[in-house]
N, C-alpha and C. Protein backbone atom coordinates (compact mmCIF):
# COMPACT_ATOMS: atom_id res chain seq x y z
N MET A 1 -5.58 19.02 -22.08
CA MET A 1 -5.84 17.91 -21.19
C MET A 1 -4.34 17.44 -20.34
N GLY A 2 -4.82 16.68 -19.08
CA GLY A 2 -3.79 16.22 -18.58
C GLY A 2 -3.44 14.89 -18.69
N ARG A 3 -2.35 14.49 -17.88
CA ARG A 3 -2.35 12.93 -18.35
C ARG A 3 -3.09 12.10 -17.11
N ILE A 4 -3.39 10.59 -17.47
CA ILE A 4 -3.79 9.96 -16.31
C ILE A 4 -2.49 9.20 -15.91
N LEU A 5 -2.51 9.02 -14.52
CA LEU A 5 -1.10 8.45 -13.70
C LEU A 5 -1.68 6.96 -13.13
N ALA A 6 -0.96 6.06 -13.44
CA ALA A 6 -1.24 5.04 -13.04
C ALA A 6 -0.36 4.68 -11.69
N ILE A 7 -0.49 3.81 -10.80
CA ILE A 7 0.21 3.21 -9.78
C ILE A 7 0.10 1.83 -9.50
N ASP A 8 1.11 1.14 -9.35
CA ASP A 8 0.88 -0.32 -9.15
C ASP A 8 1.54 -0.60 -7.44
N TYR A 9 0.84 -0.06 -6.48
CA TYR A 9 1.40 0.41 -4.88
C TYR A 9 1.36 -1.23 -4.63
N GLY A 10 3.00 -0.99 -3.83
CA GLY A 10 3.33 -2.48 -2.86
C GLY A 10 4.05 -1.47 -1.63
N ARG A 11 3.88 -2.26 -0.72
CA ARG A 11 4.26 -1.94 0.79
C ARG A 11 5.60 -1.58 0.49
N LYS A 12 6.76 -2.10 -0.32
CA LYS A 12 7.98 -1.39 -0.29
C LYS A 12 8.41 -0.49 -1.56
N ARG A 13 7.80 -0.91 -2.80
CA ARG A 13 7.90 0.11 -3.65
C ARG A 13 6.58 0.03 -4.40
N SER A 14 6.67 1.25 -4.98
CA SER A 14 5.16 1.41 -6.04
C SER A 14 5.99 1.97 -7.79
N GLY A 15 4.89 1.01 -8.83
CA GLY A 15 5.29 1.40 -9.90
C GLY A 15 4.61 2.34 -10.72
N ILE A 16 5.14 3.45 -11.22
CA ILE A 16 4.19 4.23 -11.88
C ILE A 16 4.41 4.15 -13.29
N ALA A 17 3.05 4.55 -13.86
CA ALA A 17 2.91 4.51 -15.22
C ALA A 17 2.09 5.82 -15.68
N VAL A 18 2.53 6.64 -16.81
CA VAL A 18 1.61 7.62 -17.28
C VAL A 18 1.32 7.65 -18.92
N THR A 19 -0.04 8.33 -19.35
CA THR A 19 -0.39 8.48 -20.70
C THR A 19 0.20 9.63 -21.08
N ASP A 20 0.07 9.69 -22.41
CA ASP A 20 0.95 10.90 -23.22
C ASP A 20 -0.62 12.24 -22.64
N THR A 21 -0.14 13.00 -23.22
CA THR A 21 -1.23 14.35 -22.86
C THR A 21 -2.50 14.18 -23.99
N LEU A 22 -2.53 13.39 -24.71
CA LEU A 22 -4.04 12.99 -25.15
C LEU A 22 -4.35 12.06 -24.54
N GLN A 23 -3.94 11.18 -23.77
CA GLN A 23 -4.23 9.98 -22.97
C GLN A 23 -4.91 8.73 -23.86
N LEU A 24 -3.64 8.51 -24.97
CA LEU A 24 -3.81 7.51 -25.58
C LEU A 24 -3.00 6.34 -25.08
N ILE A 25 -1.88 6.50 -25.07
CA ILE A 25 -0.76 5.63 -24.92
C ILE A 25 0.16 5.61 -23.39
N ALA A 26 0.12 4.10 -23.15
CA ALA A 26 0.42 4.15 -21.63
C ALA A 26 2.14 3.99 -21.68
N ASN A 27 2.88 4.72 -20.56
CA ASN A 27 4.29 4.66 -20.46
C ASN A 27 4.78 3.87 -19.06
N GLY A 28 5.76 3.43 -19.24
CA GLY A 28 6.38 3.07 -17.79
C GLY A 28 7.06 4.52 -17.31
N LEU A 29 7.02 5.18 -16.11
CA LEU A 29 7.62 6.08 -15.78
C LEU A 29 8.91 6.02 -14.89
N THR A 30 8.50 5.47 -13.52
CA THR A 30 9.57 5.14 -12.67
C THR A 30 8.99 3.98 -11.62
N THR A 31 9.74 3.68 -10.76
CA THR A 31 9.50 2.98 -9.31
C THR A 31 10.03 3.53 -8.24
N VAL A 32 9.13 4.16 -7.63
CA VAL A 32 9.37 4.77 -6.65
C VAL A 32 9.68 4.06 -4.85
N ALA A 33 10.23 4.23 -3.67
CA ALA A 33 9.82 3.69 -2.50
C ALA A 33 8.68 4.38 -1.99
N SER A 34 7.51 3.30 -1.71
CA SER A 34 6.52 3.57 -1.30
C SER A 34 6.22 4.81 -0.43
N GLY A 35 7.55 4.49 0.79
CA GLY A 35 7.19 5.94 1.90
C GLY A 35 7.41 7.22 1.26
N GLU A 36 7.60 7.64 -0.22
CA GLU A 36 8.33 8.63 -0.56
C GLU A 36 7.28 8.44 -1.67
N LEU A 37 6.35 8.29 -2.15
CA LEU A 37 5.76 8.13 -3.33
C LEU A 37 4.46 9.55 -3.17
N VAL A 38 4.14 9.75 -2.24
CA VAL A 38 2.85 10.64 -2.20
C VAL A 38 4.00 12.06 -2.71
N SER A 39 5.12 12.22 -1.90
CA SER A 39 5.85 13.59 -2.09
C SER A 39 5.98 13.36 -3.75
N TYR A 40 6.77 12.28 -3.99
CA TYR A 40 7.14 12.35 -5.77
C TYR A 40 5.79 12.82 -6.29
N LEU A 41 4.47 12.15 -6.47
CA LEU A 41 3.42 12.64 -7.12
C LEU A 41 3.60 14.04 -6.77
N THR A 42 3.49 14.37 -5.86
CA THR A 42 2.73 16.13 -5.41
C THR A 42 3.70 16.22 -6.39
N ASP A 43 5.49 16.35 -6.28
CA ASP A 43 6.25 16.79 -7.30
C ASP A 43 5.74 16.98 -8.48
N TYR A 44 5.92 15.78 -8.89
CA TYR A 44 5.01 15.41 -10.47
C TYR A 44 3.96 15.98 -10.91
N VAL A 45 3.08 16.36 -10.49
CA VAL A 45 1.89 16.93 -10.72
C VAL A 45 2.06 18.09 -10.31
N SER A 46 3.40 19.16 -10.02
CA SER A 46 3.71 20.79 -10.03
C SER A 46 4.26 20.54 -11.29
N ARG A 47 4.66 19.53 -11.98
CA ARG A 47 5.50 20.11 -13.28
C ARG A 47 4.43 19.62 -14.31
N GLU A 48 3.74 18.83 -14.04
CA GLU A 48 2.68 18.14 -15.43
C GLU A 48 1.44 18.09 -14.87
N PRO A 49 0.44 18.49 -15.85
CA PRO A 49 -1.01 18.14 -15.33
C PRO A 49 -1.19 16.94 -15.45
N VAL A 50 -2.14 16.32 -14.37
CA VAL A 50 -2.71 15.36 -13.75
C VAL A 50 -4.01 15.00 -13.49
N ASP A 51 -5.11 14.45 -14.72
CA ASP A 51 -6.31 14.44 -14.45
C ASP A 51 -6.83 13.40 -13.66
N LEU A 52 -6.69 12.35 -13.54
CA LEU A 52 -6.34 11.11 -13.17
C LEU A 52 -5.42 10.15 -12.16
N PHE A 53 -5.91 10.03 -11.48
CA PHE A 53 -4.87 8.68 -10.54
C PHE A 53 -5.49 7.47 -10.77
N VAL A 54 -4.96 6.12 -11.34
CA VAL A 54 -5.61 5.21 -11.18
C VAL A 54 -4.83 4.05 -10.83
N VAL A 55 -5.22 3.41 -9.50
CA VAL A 55 -4.57 3.18 -8.76
C VAL A 55 -4.75 0.83 -8.66
N GLY A 56 -3.99 0.18 -9.00
CA GLY A 56 -4.25 -0.96 -8.92
C GLY A 56 -4.90 -1.46 -7.62
N HIS A 57 -6.30 -2.21 -7.94
CA HIS A 57 -7.08 -2.94 -6.96
C HIS A 57 -6.96 -4.30 -6.88
N PRO A 58 -6.00 -4.94 -5.91
CA PRO A 58 -5.46 -5.94 -5.42
C PRO A 58 -6.71 -7.10 -5.02
N LYS A 59 -7.19 -8.08 -6.18
CA LYS A 59 -8.19 -8.75 -5.56
C LYS A 59 -7.78 -10.54 -5.86
N GLN A 60 -8.54 -11.12 -4.82
CA GLN A 60 -8.19 -12.66 -4.97
C GLN A 60 -8.88 -13.20 -6.00
N MET A 61 -9.08 -14.61 -6.17
CA MET A 61 -9.85 -14.98 -7.58
C MET A 61 -11.05 -14.95 -7.42
N ASN A 62 -12.04 -15.21 -5.78
CA ASN A 62 -12.74 -15.48 -5.78
C ASN A 62 -14.06 -13.25 -5.31
N ASN A 63 -12.70 -12.85 -6.15
CA ASN A 63 -13.25 -11.69 -6.20
C ASN A 63 -13.59 -10.29 -5.30
N GLU A 64 -12.68 -11.35 -3.91
CA GLU A 64 -12.69 -10.22 -2.83
C GLU A 64 -11.57 -9.51 -2.50
N PRO A 65 -11.05 -8.42 -1.86
CA PRO A 65 -10.15 -7.77 -1.75
C PRO A 65 -8.59 -8.53 -1.58
N SER A 66 -7.58 -8.18 -1.72
CA SER A 66 -6.55 -9.11 -1.00
C SER A 66 -6.53 -8.73 0.06
N GLU A 67 -5.15 -9.21 1.11
CA GLU A 67 -5.06 -8.91 2.07
C GLU A 67 -4.28 -7.00 1.95
N ASN A 68 -3.37 -6.72 1.03
CA ASN A 68 -3.04 -5.46 0.43
C ASN A 68 -3.84 -4.48 0.80
N MET A 69 -4.84 -4.74 0.53
CA MET A 69 -6.15 -3.29 0.04
C MET A 69 -5.87 -2.73 1.60
N GLN A 70 -5.69 -2.82 2.55
CA GLN A 70 -5.68 -2.00 4.06
C GLN A 70 -4.75 -1.05 3.60
N TYR A 71 -3.57 -1.92 3.04
CA TYR A 71 -2.41 -0.69 2.65
C TYR A 71 -2.65 0.49 1.56
N ILE A 72 -3.17 -0.19 0.48
CA ILE A 72 -3.65 0.74 -0.25
C ILE A 72 -4.42 1.76 -0.08
N GLU A 73 -5.67 1.33 0.56
CA GLU A 73 -6.35 2.41 0.99
C GLU A 73 -6.12 3.27 1.95
N ALA A 74 -4.73 3.43 2.78
CA ALA A 74 -4.35 4.24 3.39
C ALA A 74 -3.28 5.16 2.89
N PHE A 75 -3.11 4.32 1.94
CA PHE A 75 -2.39 5.40 0.75
C PHE A 75 -2.93 6.28 -0.12
N VAL A 76 -4.32 5.69 -0.55
CA VAL A 76 -5.42 6.51 -1.12
C VAL A 76 -5.90 7.79 -0.45
N LYS A 77 -6.34 7.03 0.87
CA LYS A 77 -6.74 8.48 1.71
C LYS A 77 -5.81 9.44 2.04
N HIS A 78 -4.21 9.32 1.95
CA HIS A 78 -3.11 9.82 2.18
C HIS A 78 -3.11 11.09 0.85
N LEU A 79 -3.24 10.36 -0.26
CA LEU A 79 -3.00 11.25 -1.74
C LEU A 79 -3.84 12.04 -1.70
N GLN A 80 -5.58 11.68 -1.41
CA GLN A 80 -6.75 12.46 -1.67
C GLN A 80 -6.49 13.75 -0.50
N ARG A 81 -6.10 13.60 0.50
CA ARG A 81 -5.93 14.77 1.41
C ARG A 81 -4.97 15.47 1.14
N THR A 82 -3.47 15.27 0.09
CA THR A 82 -2.81 16.05 -0.27
C THR A 82 -3.04 16.55 -1.41
N LEU A 83 -3.45 15.57 -2.48
CA LEU A 83 -3.64 16.37 -3.89
C LEU A 83 -4.98 16.11 -3.95
N PRO A 84 -6.08 16.62 -3.43
CA PRO A 84 -8.03 16.89 -3.29
C PRO A 84 -8.57 16.67 -4.63
N THR A 85 -7.44 17.66 -5.54
CA THR A 85 -8.40 18.22 -6.73
C THR A 85 -8.30 16.83 -8.10
N ILE A 86 -7.54 16.35 -7.77
CA ILE A 86 -6.75 15.18 -8.50
C ILE A 86 -7.94 13.83 -8.11
N PRO A 87 -8.91 13.36 -8.43
CA PRO A 87 -9.79 11.86 -8.49
C PRO A 87 -9.04 10.97 -8.85
N VAL A 88 -9.12 9.61 -8.22
CA VAL A 88 -8.60 8.80 -7.78
C VAL A 88 -9.76 7.61 -8.17
N THR A 89 -9.25 6.71 -8.64
CA THR A 89 -10.41 5.53 -9.34
C THR A 89 -9.33 4.14 -9.40
N PHE A 90 -10.00 3.31 -9.16
CA PHE A 90 -9.14 2.05 -8.87
C PHE A 90 -9.38 0.72 -10.33
N MET A 91 -8.63 0.12 -10.72
CA MET A 91 -8.41 -0.56 -11.91
C MET A 91 -7.77 -2.12 -11.28
N ASP A 92 -8.70 -3.08 -11.52
CA ASP A 92 -8.46 -4.53 -11.64
C ASP A 92 -7.12 -4.87 -11.32
N GLU A 93 -6.21 -5.48 -10.85
CA GLU A 93 -4.82 -5.76 -11.21
C GLU A 93 -4.57 -7.13 -10.80
N ARG A 94 -5.55 -8.26 -10.80
CA ARG A 94 -5.16 -9.30 -11.05
C ARG A 94 -4.21 -9.72 -12.20
N PHE A 95 -3.37 -10.38 -12.12
CA PHE A 95 -1.98 -11.04 -12.87
C PHE A 95 -1.21 -9.92 -13.43
N THR A 96 -1.34 -8.46 -13.27
CA THR A 96 -0.49 -7.69 -13.75
C THR A 96 0.88 -8.36 -13.55
N SER A 97 1.63 -9.08 -12.26
CA SER A 97 2.66 -9.32 -12.25
C SER A 97 2.74 -10.34 -13.23
N VAL A 98 2.37 -11.26 -13.22
CA VAL A 98 2.33 -12.55 -14.20
C VAL A 98 2.57 -11.90 -15.55
N MET A 99 1.51 -11.17 -16.23
CA MET A 99 1.71 -10.64 -17.32
C MET A 99 2.99 -9.43 -17.74
N ALA A 100 3.31 -8.73 -16.75
CA ALA A 100 4.98 -8.05 -16.64
C ALA A 100 5.95 -8.84 -16.94
N HIS A 101 5.68 -10.00 -16.35
CA HIS A 101 7.08 -11.22 -16.46
C HIS A 101 7.18 -11.72 -17.66
N GLN A 102 5.44 -11.95 -18.55
CA GLN A 102 5.58 -12.63 -19.80
C GLN A 102 6.19 -11.44 -20.78
N ALA A 103 5.71 -10.38 -20.84
CA ALA A 103 6.10 -9.16 -21.53
C ALA A 103 7.51 -9.33 -21.53
N MET A 104 8.15 -9.67 -20.48
CA MET A 104 9.78 -9.30 -20.33
C MET A 104 10.35 -10.22 -21.12
N LEU A 105 9.78 -11.85 -20.95
CA LEU A 105 9.62 -12.67 -21.53
C LEU A 105 9.63 -12.64 -23.32
N ASP A 106 8.54 -12.12 -23.51
CA ASP A 106 8.25 -12.06 -25.24
C ASP A 106 9.28 -10.97 -25.59
N GLY A 107 9.84 -9.93 -25.08
CA GLY A 107 10.83 -8.89 -25.51
C GLY A 107 11.83 -9.18 -25.35
N GLY A 108 12.17 -10.63 -24.59
CA GLY A 108 13.39 -10.84 -24.79
C GLY A 108 14.73 -10.32 -24.02
N LEU A 109 13.85 -9.87 -22.39
CA LEU A 109 15.09 -9.45 -21.70
C LEU A 109 15.93 -10.67 -21.34
N LYS A 110 17.04 -10.44 -20.73
CA LYS A 110 17.78 -11.37 -20.32
C LYS A 110 17.21 -12.09 -18.59
N LYS A 111 17.89 -12.56 -18.26
CA LYS A 111 17.31 -13.21 -16.86
C LYS A 111 17.67 -12.28 -15.72
N LYS A 112 18.59 -11.53 -15.77
CA LYS A 112 19.13 -10.54 -14.89
C LYS A 112 18.01 -9.54 -14.77
N LYS A 113 17.71 -9.07 -16.25
CA LYS A 113 17.09 -7.91 -15.59
C LYS A 113 15.74 -8.52 -15.57
N ARG A 114 15.16 -9.77 -15.97
CA ARG A 114 13.90 -9.83 -15.55
C ARG A 114 13.19 -10.28 -13.88
N GLN A 115 14.59 -10.28 -13.42
CA GLN A 115 14.70 -10.50 -12.05
C GLN A 115 14.86 -8.85 -11.19
N ASP A 116 14.59 -8.03 -12.10
CA ASP A 116 14.68 -6.71 -11.26
C ASP A 116 13.36 -6.39 -10.76
N LYS A 117 12.86 -6.63 -10.17
CA LYS A 117 11.36 -6.03 -9.60
C LYS A 117 11.01 -4.80 -9.53
N ALA A 118 11.86 -4.05 -9.53
CA ALA A 118 11.55 -2.26 -9.97
C ALA A 118 10.97 -2.63 -11.21
N LEU A 119 11.55 -3.02 -12.36
CA LEU A 119 10.95 -3.33 -13.20
C LEU A 119 9.53 -3.75 -13.99
N VAL A 120 9.59 -5.43 -12.87
CA VAL A 120 7.94 -5.77 -13.03
C VAL A 120 7.11 -5.00 -12.59
N ASP A 121 7.41 -3.98 -11.43
CA ASP A 121 6.53 -2.81 -10.85
C ASP A 121 6.19 -2.13 -11.86
N GLU A 122 7.14 -1.28 -12.58
CA GLU A 122 6.90 -0.60 -13.45
C GLU A 122 5.79 -1.27 -14.75
N LEU A 123 6.30 -2.07 -15.28
CA LEU A 123 5.61 -2.76 -16.14
C LEU A 123 3.92 -3.19 -15.54
N SER A 124 3.83 -3.40 -14.09
CA SER A 124 2.45 -3.83 -14.00
C SER A 124 1.63 -2.26 -13.84
N ALA A 125 2.62 -1.28 -13.73
CA ALA A 125 1.77 -0.07 -13.75
C ALA A 125 1.11 0.11 -15.17
N VAL A 126 1.96 0.02 -16.02
CA VAL A 126 1.86 0.03 -17.63
C VAL A 126 0.35 -0.58 -17.79
N ILE A 127 0.24 -1.84 -17.48
CA ILE A 127 -0.79 -2.79 -17.77
C ILE A 127 -1.98 -1.89 -17.25
N ILE A 128 -1.95 -1.92 -15.84
CA ILE A 128 -3.18 -1.27 -15.18
C ILE A 128 -3.33 -0.72 -15.95
N LEU A 129 -2.20 0.46 -16.35
CA LEU A 129 -3.27 1.94 -17.25
C LEU A 129 -3.60 1.66 -18.48
N GLN A 130 -3.10 0.68 -19.19
CA GLN A 130 -3.68 0.12 -20.50
C GLN A 130 -4.65 -0.32 -20.33
N SER A 131 -4.91 -1.25 -19.54
CA SER A 131 -6.52 -1.85 -19.16
C SER A 131 -7.73 -0.66 -18.85
N TYR A 132 -6.98 0.53 -17.95
CA TYR A 132 -7.88 1.25 -17.45
C TYR A 132 -8.25 2.03 -18.80
N LEU A 133 -7.36 2.19 -19.75
CA LEU A 133 -7.40 3.18 -21.30
C LEU A 133 -8.59 2.05 -22.07
N GLU A 134 -8.10 1.06 -21.89
CA GLU A 134 -9.22 0.34 -23.17
C GLU A 134 -10.54 -0.27 -22.31
N SER A 135 -10.55 -0.42 -21.17
CA SER A 135 -11.89 0.19 -20.48
C SER A 135 -12.90 0.73 -20.97
N LYS A 136 -12.25 2.13 -21.00
CA LYS A 136 -12.72 3.55 -21.43
C LYS A 136 -13.21 3.52 -22.66
N ARG A 137 -11.89 3.33 -23.83
CA ARG A 137 -12.35 3.24 -24.74
C ARG A 137 -14.01 2.04 -25.36
N SER A 138 -13.57 1.04 -24.74
CA SER A 138 -14.65 0.15 -25.38
C SER A 138 -15.68 0.66 -24.75
N ILE A 139 -16.17 1.70 -23.70
CA ILE A 139 -17.47 1.91 -23.63
C ILE A 139 -18.00 2.88 -24.99
N PHE A 140 -16.99 4.11 -25.35
CA PHE A 140 -17.56 4.61 -26.87
C PHE A 140 -18.05 3.92 -27.80
């Protein structure tokens, strides 16, 4: 069984999280400059089997897509052209940054570390992936 990889896509940088091989636990992997993301993912899947990409879907409170969706759609099209055998799905990412900041507070991280935007992006990807895993578990 391959891993599930989640992406919190941003215009500057993107957080990445991945499951274990049993697809039970979400772990932060890294943060990558968004311009280098597809090449990073291509390299990653050459070393590790990946069954699915889960991309954060930015929605506004009224459930409409946010203005960032146009950049995410362009990224996903590029990803699908580059790695056509790995399916892509979307997961609602509303409040993931807020939840990431709260997790950092709850974890006792110092203010300097909480201001690390790359860490926030990586934690947001973990939350997206964990939400996806929980949504699949609730179906069974």
